[in-house]
All heavy atoms as atom14 arrays in JSON, in Angstrom:
{
  "sequence": "FDQGHIFSLVYGEEAFQDLYIHELTHDMRHAAGFP",
  "atom14_mask": [
    [1, 1, 1, 1, 1, 1, 1, 1, 1, 1, 1, 0, 0, 0],
    [1, 1, 1, 1, 1, 1, 1, 1, 0, 0, 0, 0, 0, 0],
    [1, 1, 1, 1, 1, 1, 1, 1, 1, 0, 0, 0, 0, 0],
    [1, 1, 1, 1, 0, 0, 0, 0, 0, 0, 0, 0, 0, 0],
    [1, 1, 1, 1, 1, 1, 1, 1, 1, 1, 0, 0, 0, 0],
    [1, 1, 1, 1, 1, 1, 1, 1, 0, 0, 0, 0, 0, 0],
    [1, 1, 1, 1, 1, 1, 1, 1, 1, 1, 1, 0, 0, 0],
    [1, 1, 1, 1, 1, 1, 0, 0, 0, 0, 0, 0, 0, 0],
    [1, 1, 1, 1, 1, 1, 1, 1, 0, 0, 0, 0, 0, 0],
    [1, 1, 1, 1, 1, 1, 1, 0, 0, 0, 0, 0, 0, 0],
    [1, 1, 1, 1, 1, 1, 1, 1, 1, 1, 1, 1, 0, 0],
    [1, 1, 1, 1, 0, 0, 0, 0, 0, 0, 0, 0, 0, 0],
    [1, 1, 1, 1, 1, 1, 1, 1, 1, 0, 0, 0, 0, 0],
    [1, 1, 1, 1, 1, 1, 1, 1, 1, 0, 0, 0, 0, 0],
    [1, 1, 1, 1, 1, 0, 0, 0, 0, 0, 0, 0, 0, 0],
    [1, 1, 1, 1, 1, 1, 1, 1, 1, 1, 1, 0, 0, 0],
    [1, 1, 1, 1, 1, 1, 1, 1, 1, 0, 0, 0, 0, 0],
    [1, 1, 1, 1, 1, 1, 1, 1, 0, 0, 0, 0, 0, 0],
    [1, 1, 1, 1, 1, 1, 1, 1, 0, 0, 0, 0, 0, 0],
    [1, 1, 1, 1, 1, 1, 1, 1, 1, 1, 1, 1, 0, 0],
    [1, 1, 1, 1, 1, 1, 1, 1, 0, 0, 0, 0, 0, 0],
    [1, 1, 1, 1, 1, 1, 1, 1, 1, 1, 0, 0, 0, 0],
    [1, 1, 1, 1, 1, 1, 1, 1, 1, 0, 0, 0, 0, 0],
    [1, 1, 1, 1, 1, 1, 1, 1, 0, 0, 0, 0, 0, 0],
    [1, 1, 1, 1, 1, 1, 1, 0, 0, 0, 0, 0, 0, 0],
    [1, 1, 1, 1, 1, 1, 1, 1, 1, 1, 0, 0, 0, 0],
    [1, 1, 1, 1, 1, 1, 1, 1, 0, 0, 0, 0, 0, 0],
    [1, 1, 1, 1, 1, 1, 1, 1, 0, 0, 0, 0, 0, 0],
    [1, 1, 1, 1, 1, 1, 1, 1, 1, 1, 1, 0, 0, 0],
    [1, 1, 1, 1, 1, 1, 1, 1, 1, 1, 0, 0, 0, 0],
    [1, 1, 1, 1, 1, 0, 0, 0, 0, 0, 0, 0, 0, 0],
    [1, 1, 1, 1, 1, 0, 0, 0, 0, 0, 0, 0, 0, 0],
    [1, 1, 1, 1, 0, 0, 0, 0, 0, 0, 0, 0, 0, 0],
    [1, 1, 1, 1, 1, 1, 1, 1, 1, 1, 1, 0, 0, 0],
    [1, 1, 1, 1, 1, 1, 1, 0, 0, 0, 0, 0, 0, 0]
  ],
  "atom14_positions": [
    [[0.77, -1.22, 0.0], [0.05, 0.03, 0.0], [0.84, 1.27, -0.02], [0.2, 2.3, -0.18], [-0.98, 0.01, 1.27], [-1.91, -1.15, 1.29], [-1.72, -2.22, 2.12], [-2.97, -1.17, 0.33], [-2.59, -3.25, 2.14], [-3.83, -2.25, 0.3], [-3.66, -3.26, 1.25], [0.0, 0.0, 0.0], [0.0, 0.0, 0.0], [0.0, 0.0, 0.0]],
    [[2.13, 1.26, 0.28], [2.9, 2.41, 0.38], [2.98, 3.15, -0.92], [3.37, 2.55, -1.91], [4.19, 2.15, 0.96], [5.07, 3.38, 1.16], [4.58, 4.27, 1.97], [6.02, 3.56, 0.44], [0.0, 0.0, 0.0], [0.0, 0.0, 0.0], [0.0, 0.0, 0.0], [0.0, 0.0, 0.0], [0.0, 0.0, 0.0], [0.0, 0.0, 0.0]],
    [[2.63, 4.49, -1.02], [2.78, 5.24, -2.22], [3.57, 6.51, -1.76], [3.19, 7.58, -2.22], [1.39, 5.64, -2.78], [0.65, 4.49, -3.17], [1.16, 3.94, -4.54], [1.75, 4.64, -5.28], [0.82, 2.72, -4.78], [0.0, 0.0, 0.0], [0.0, 0.0, 0.0], [0.0, 0.0, 0.0], [0.0, 0.0, 0.0], [0.0, 0.0, 0.0]],
    [[4.55, 6.28, -1.0], [5.34, 7.47, -0.59], [5.12, 7.86, 0.84], [5.69, 8.89, 1.44], [0.0, 0.0, 0.0], [0.0, 0.0, 0.0], [0.0, 0.0, 0.0], [0.0, 0.0, 0.0], [0.0, 0.0, 0.0], [0.0, 0.0, 0.0], [0.0, 0.0, 0.0], [0.0, 0.0, 0.0], [0.0, 0.0, 0.0], [0.0, 0.0, 0.0]],
    [[4.29, 7.2, 1.57], [3.82, 7.58, 2.88], [4.99, 7.57, 3.83], [5.13, 8.48, 4.76], [2.71, 6.81, 3.42], [1.5, 6.89, 2.54], [1.16, 6.08, 1.53], [0.44, 7.87, 2.61], [0.08, 6.4, 1.02], [-0.35, 7.54, 1.63], [0.0, 0.0, 0.0], [0.0, 0.0, 0.0], [0.0, 0.0, 0.0], [0.0, 0.0, 0.0]],
    [[5.83, 6.49, 3.78], [6.89, 6.32, 4.76], [7.95, 7.37, 4.57], [8.34, 7.99, 5.56], [7.48, 4.84, 4.69], [6.4, 3.88, 5.08], [8.77, 4.75, 5.51], [6.75, 2.47, 4.92], [0.0, 0.0, 0.0], [0.0, 0.0, 0.0], [0.0, 0.0, 0.0], [0.0, 0.0, 0.0], [0.0, 0.0, 0.0], [0.0, 0.0, 0.0]],
    [[8.44, 7.51, 3.42], [9.45, 8.54, 3.15], [8.92, 9.96, 3.25], [9.71, 10.92, 3.29], [10.16, 8.31, 1.81], [11.21, 7.26, 1.87], [11.54, 6.57, 0.71], [11.88, 6.93, 3.09], [12.57, 5.56, 0.69], [12.85, 5.95, 3.04], [13.2, 5.3, 1.97], [0.0, 0.0, 0.0], [0.0, 0.0, 0.0], [0.0, 0.0, 0.0]],
    [[7.68, 10.24, 3.22], [7.12, 11.51, 3.4], [7.48, 12.13, 4.73], [7.46, 13.34, 4.82], [5.64, 11.56, 3.05], [4.94, 10.87, 4.09], [0.0, 0.0, 0.0], [0.0, 0.0, 0.0], [0.0, 0.0, 0.0], [0.0, 0.0, 0.0], [0.0, 0.0, 0.0], [0.0, 0.0, 0.0], [0.0, 0.0, 0.0], [0.0, 0.0, 0.0]],
    [[7.65, 11.28, 5.69], [8.11, 11.78, 6.97], [9.39, 12.43, 6.97], [9.72, 13.31, 7.68], [8.13, 10.58, 8.03], [6.78, 9.9, 8.19], [7.03, 8.6, 9.01], [5.68, 10.65, 8.81], [0.0, 0.0, 0.0], [0.0, 0.0, 0.0], [0.0, 0.0, 0.0], [0.0, 0.0, 0.0], [0.0, 0.0, 0.0], [0.0, 0.0, 0.0]],
    [[10.3, 12.07, 6.01], [11.55, 12.66, 5.89], [11.7, 13.61, 4.75], [12.22, 14.69, 4.92], [12.65, 11.46, 5.69], [14.14, 12.05, 5.52], [12.62, 10.49, 6.83], [0.0, 0.0, 0.0], [0.0, 0.0, 0.0], [0.0, 0.0, 0.0], [0.0, 0.0, 0.0], [0.0, 0.0, 0.0], [0.0, 0.0, 0.0], [0.0, 0.0, 0.0]],
    [[11.23, 13.21, 3.58], [11.4, 14.03, 2.33], [10.19, 14.99, 2.11], [10.29, 15.83, 1.2], [11.55, 13.14, 1.11], [12.84, 12.34, 1.19], [12.84, 10.96, 1.2], [14.07, 13.09, 1.13], [14.07, 10.25, 1.21], [15.29, 12.32, 1.17], [15.23, 10.93, 1.24], [16.37, 10.24, 1.22], [0.0, 0.0, 0.0], [0.0, 0.0, 0.0]],
    [[9.06, 14.84, 2.76], [8.0, 15.75, 2.56], [7.17, 15.29, 1.38], [7.1, 14.18, 0.94], [0.0, 0.0, 0.0], [0.0, 0.0, 0.0], [0.0, 0.0, 0.0], [0.0, 0.0, 0.0], [0.0, 0.0, 0.0], [0.0, 0.0, 0.0], [0.0, 0.0, 0.0], [0.0, 0.0, 0.0], [0.0, 0.0, 0.0], [0.0, 0.0, 0.0]],
    [[6.61, 16.2, 0.62], [5.77, 16.04, -0.48], [6.6, 15.48, -1.64], [5.97, 14.8, -2.55], [5.14, 17.41, -0.96], [4.11, 17.83, 0.06], [2.89, 16.95, 0.17], [2.41, 16.4, -0.87], [2.38, 16.89, 1.27], [0.0, 0.0, 0.0], [0.0, 0.0, 0.0], [0.0, 0.0, 0.0], [0.0, 0.0, 0.0], [0.0, 0.0, 0.0]],
    [[7.8, 15.56, -1.66], [8.62, 14.98, -2.79], [8.57, 13.54, -2.81], [8.66, 12.87, -3.87], [10.09, 15.56, -2.61], [11.04, 15.01, -3.7], [12.39, 15.56, -3.48], [12.66, 16.57, -2.88], [13.38, 14.86, -3.97], [0.0, 0.0, 0.0], [0.0, 0.0, 0.0], [0.0, 0.0, 0.0], [0.0, 0.0, 0.0], [0.0, 0.0, 0.0]],
    [[8.43, 12.92, -1.69], [8.32, 11.45, -1.54], [7.18, 10.91, -2.43], [7.22, 9.73, -2.82], [8.32, 10.99, -0.21], [0.0, 0.0, 0.0], [0.0, 0.0, 0.0], [0.0, 0.0, 0.0], [0.0, 0.0, 0.0], [0.0, 0.0, 0.0], [0.0, 0.0, 0.0], [0.0, 0.0, 0.0], [0.0, 0.0, 0.0], [0.0, 0.0, 0.0]],
    [[6.1, 11.63, -2.45], [4.88, 11.18, -3.17], [5.13, 11.14, -4.64], [4.36, 10.47, -5.45], [3.63, 11.97, -2.83], [3.22, 11.77, -1.38], [3.36, 12.8, -0.47], [2.69, 10.62, -0.89], [2.96, 12.61, 0.88], [2.22, 10.51, 0.39], [2.39, 11.38, 1.31], [0.0, 0.0, 0.0], [0.0, 0.0, 0.0], [0.0, 0.0, 0.0]],
    [[6.07, 11.94, -5.16], [6.33, 12.01, -6.52], [7.46, 10.96, -6.94], [7.4, 10.34, -7.99], [6.72, 13.39, -6.98], [5.68, 14.4, -6.79], [6.21, 15.82, -6.86], [7.32, 16.01, -6.98], [5.22, 16.77, -6.71], [0.0, 0.0, 0.0], [0.0, 0.0, 0.0], [0.0, 0.0, 0.0], [0.0, 0.0, 0.0], [0.0, 0.0, 0.0]],
    [[8.41, 10.73, -6.06], [9.57, 9.88, -6.37], [9.24, 8.43, -6.21], [9.75, 7.56, -6.9], [10.73, 10.2, -5.56], [11.27, 11.67, -5.8], [11.01, 12.06, -6.97], [11.99, 12.21, -4.98], [0.0, 0.0, 0.0], [0.0, 0.0, 0.0], [0.0, 0.0, 0.0], [0.0, 0.0, 0.0], [0.0, 0.0, 0.0], [0.0, 0.0, 0.0]],
    [[8.37, 8.06, -5.14], [7.91, 6.71, -4.95], [9.07, 5.67, -4.79], [9.12, 4.67, -5.54], [6.96, 6.3, -5.94], [5.64, 7.12, -6.14], [4.85, 6.61, -7.38], [4.82, 6.96, -4.9], [0.0, 0.0, 0.0], [0.0, 0.0, 0.0], [0.0, 0.0, 0.0], [0.0, 0.0, 0.0], [0.0, 0.0, 0.0], [0.0, 0.0, 0.0]],
    [[10.02, 5.96, -3.89], [11.16, 5.06, -3.82], [10.8, 3.68, -3.39], [11.2, 2.71, -4.05], [12.09, 5.61, -2.79], [12.71, 6.93, -3.09], [12.55, 8.02, -2.31], [13.54, 7.04, -4.2], [13.11, 9.31, -2.6], [14.13, 8.25, -4.6], [13.98, 9.37, -3.73], [14.48, 10.48, -4.04], [0.0, 0.0, 0.0], [0.0, 0.0, 0.0]],
    [[9.95, 3.5, -2.39], [9.61, 2.09, -1.93], [8.72, 1.47, -2.97], [8.79, 0.31, -3.18], [8.96, 2.2, -0.6], [10.0, 2.62, 0.47], [8.36, 0.78, -0.16], [9.45, 2.69, 1.91], [0.0, 0.0, 0.0], [0.0, 0.0, 0.0], [0.0, 0.0, 0.0], [0.0, 0.0, 0.0], [0.0, 0.0, 0.0], [0.0, 0.0, 0.0]],
    [[7.92, 2.2, -3.62], [7.01, 1.64, -4.69], [7.85, 1.03, -5.73], [7.64, -0.13, -6.2], [6.07, 2.69, -5.26], [5.21, 2.23, -6.38], [4.04, 1.54, -6.21], [5.54, 2.28, -7.77], [3.6, 1.24, -7.44], [4.45, 1.67, -8.37], [0.0, 0.0, 0.0], [0.0, 0.0, 0.0], [0.0, 0.0, 0.0], [0.0, 0.0, 0.0]],
    [[8.83, 1.7, -6.24], [9.75, 1.23, -7.26], [10.63, 0.02, -6.77], [10.81, -0.83, -7.53], [10.67, 2.3, -7.8], [9.89, 3.52, -8.49], [9.03, 2.96, -9.75], [9.51, 2.02, -10.34], [8.0, 3.59, -9.97], [0.0, 0.0, 0.0], [0.0, 0.0, 0.0], [0.0, 0.0, 0.0], [0.0, 0.0, 0.0], [0.0, 0.0, 0.0]],
    [[10.87, 0.03, -5.48], [11.68, -0.98, -4.93], [10.9, -2.26, -4.9], [11.44, -3.35, -5.07], [12.24, -0.61, -3.62], [13.15, -1.6, -2.87], [14.52, -1.82, -3.54], [13.4, -1.19, -1.47], [0.0, 0.0, 0.0], [0.0, 0.0, 0.0], [0.0, 0.0, 0.0], [0.0, 0.0, 0.0], [0.0, 0.0, 0.0], [0.0, 0.0, 0.0]],
    [[9.71, -2.15, -4.43], [8.84, -3.37, -4.29], [7.87, -3.59, -5.46], [6.82, -4.3, -5.26], [8.01, -3.15, -2.99], [7.17, -2.01, -3.01], [8.92, -3.08, -1.69], [0.0, 0.0, 0.0], [0.0, 0.0, 0.0], [0.0, 0.0, 0.0], [0.0, 0.0, 0.0], [0.0, 0.0, 0.0], [0.0, 0.0, 0.0], [0.0, 0.0, 0.0]],
    [[8.1, -2.91, -6.6], [7.08, -2.96, -7.65], [6.83, -4.46, -8.13], [5.62, -4.86, -8.25], [7.58, -2.19, -8.83], [6.61, -2.05, -9.95], [6.75, -2.83, -11.02], [5.54, -1.22, -10.09], [5.6, -2.45, -11.86], [4.96, -1.61, -11.26], [0.0, 0.0, 0.0], [0.0, 0.0, 0.0], [0.0, 0.0, 0.0], [0.0, 0.0, 0.0]],
    [[7.83, -5.26, -8.34], [7.52, -6.59, -8.87], [6.97, -7.52, -7.78], [6.1, -8.36, -8.08], [8.82, -7.18, -9.33], [9.38, -6.55, -10.68], [8.49, -5.88, -11.35], [10.61, -6.61, -10.9], [0.0, 0.0, 0.0], [0.0, 0.0, 0.0], [0.0, 0.0, 0.0], [0.0, 0.0, 0.0], [0.0, 0.0, 0.0], [0.0, 0.0, 0.0]],
    [[7.3, -7.29, -6.5], [6.69, -7.98, -5.47], [5.23, -7.68, -5.35], [4.41, -8.51, -4.95], [7.49, -7.63, -4.08], [6.86, -8.3, -2.95], [7.18, -10.07, -2.89], [8.93, -10.12, -2.45], [0.0, 0.0, 0.0], [0.0, 0.0, 0.0], [0.0, 0.0, 0.0], [0.0, 0.0, 0.0], [0.0, 0.0, 0.0], [0.0, 0.0, 0.0]],
    [[4.8, -6.44, -5.52], [3.48, -6.1, -5.51], [2.7, -6.95, -6.55], [1.59, -7.46, -6.17], [3.23, -4.66, -5.88], [3.5, -3.72, -4.87], [3.22, -2.33, -5.18], [3.54, -1.47, -4.14], [2.95, -0.36, -3.77], [2.01, 0.04, -4.53], [3.33, 0.29, -2.73], [0.0, 0.0, 0.0], [0.0, 0.0, 0.0], [0.0, 0.0, 0.0]],
    [[3.11, -6.98, -7.72], [2.45, -7.74, -8.78], [2.38, -9.23, -8.42], [1.4, -9.93, -8.69], [3.01, -7.46, -10.14], [2.78, -6.18, -10.66], [1.49, -5.61, -10.93], [3.62, -5.03, -10.88], [1.55, -4.42, -11.33], [2.87, -3.98, -11.31], [0.0, 0.0, 0.0], [0.0, 0.0, 0.0], [0.0, 0.0, 0.0], [0.0, 0.0, 0.0]],
    [[3.5, -9.78, -7.93], [3.53, -11.23, -7.53], [2.62, -11.45, -6.36], [2.0, -12.61, -6.36], [4.98, -11.55, -7.12], [0.0, 0.0, 0.0], [0.0, 0.0, 0.0], [0.0, 0.0, 0.0], [0.0, 0.0, 0.0], [0.0, 0.0, 0.0], [0.0, 0.0, 0.0], [0.0, 0.0, 0.0], [0.0, 0.0, 0.0], [0.0, 0.0, 0.0]],
    [[2.42, -10.47, -5.52], [1.49, -10.71, -4.42], [0.08, -10.43, -4.73], [-0.9, -10.68, -3.95], [1.91, -9.88, -3.18], [0.0, 0.0, 0.0], [0.0, 0.0, 0.0], [0.0, 0.0, 0.0], [0.0, 0.0, 0.0], [0.0, 0.0, 0.0], [0.0, 0.0, 0.0], [0.0, 0.0, 0.0], [0.0, 0.0, 0.0], [0.0, 0.0, 0.0]],
    [[-0.18, -9.95, -6.0], [-1.56, -9.65, -6.37], [-2.12, -8.3, -6.06], [-3.28, -8.04, -6.25], [0.0, 0.0, 0.0], [0.0, 0.0, 0.0], [0.0, 0.0, 0.0], [0.0, 0.0, 0.0], [0.0, 0.0, 0.0], [0.0, 0.0, 0.0], [0.0, 0.0, 0.0], [0.0, 0.0, 0.0], [0.0, 0.0, 0.0], [0.0, 0.0, 0.0]],
    [[-1.19, -7.35, -5.73], [-1.67, -5.96, -5.51], [-1.49, -5.17, -6.85], [-0.54, -5.08, -7.44], [-0.72, -5.33, -4.45], [-0.86, -5.79, -3.0], [-0.04, -6.7, -2.56], [-1.94, -5.35, -2.29], [-0.27, -7.19, -1.21], [-2.18, -5.78, -0.94], [-1.31, -6.81, -0.45], [0.0, 0.0, 0.0], [0.0, 0.0, 0.0], [0.0, 0.0, 0.0]],
    [[-2.56, -4.53, -7.18], [-2.5, -3.74, -8.33], [-1.9, -2.37, -8.0], [-2.07, -1.9, -6.85], [-3.97, -3.46, -8.83], [-4.78, -3.63, -7.53], [-3.96, -4.65, -6.69], [0.0, 0.0, 0.0], [0.0, 0.0, 0.0], [0.0, 0.0, 0.0], [0.0, 0.0, 0.0], [0.0, 0.0, 0.0], [0.0, 0.0, 0.0], [0.0, 0.0, 0.0]]
  ]
}
């Protein structure tokens, strides 16, 4: 479910645009069935 929420505590609004964790876990999301 993370769409920048965790890193927004540190990076602010920029984290919602960069999506570091989303990109890191992208393939795992699809393998687990999360769209």
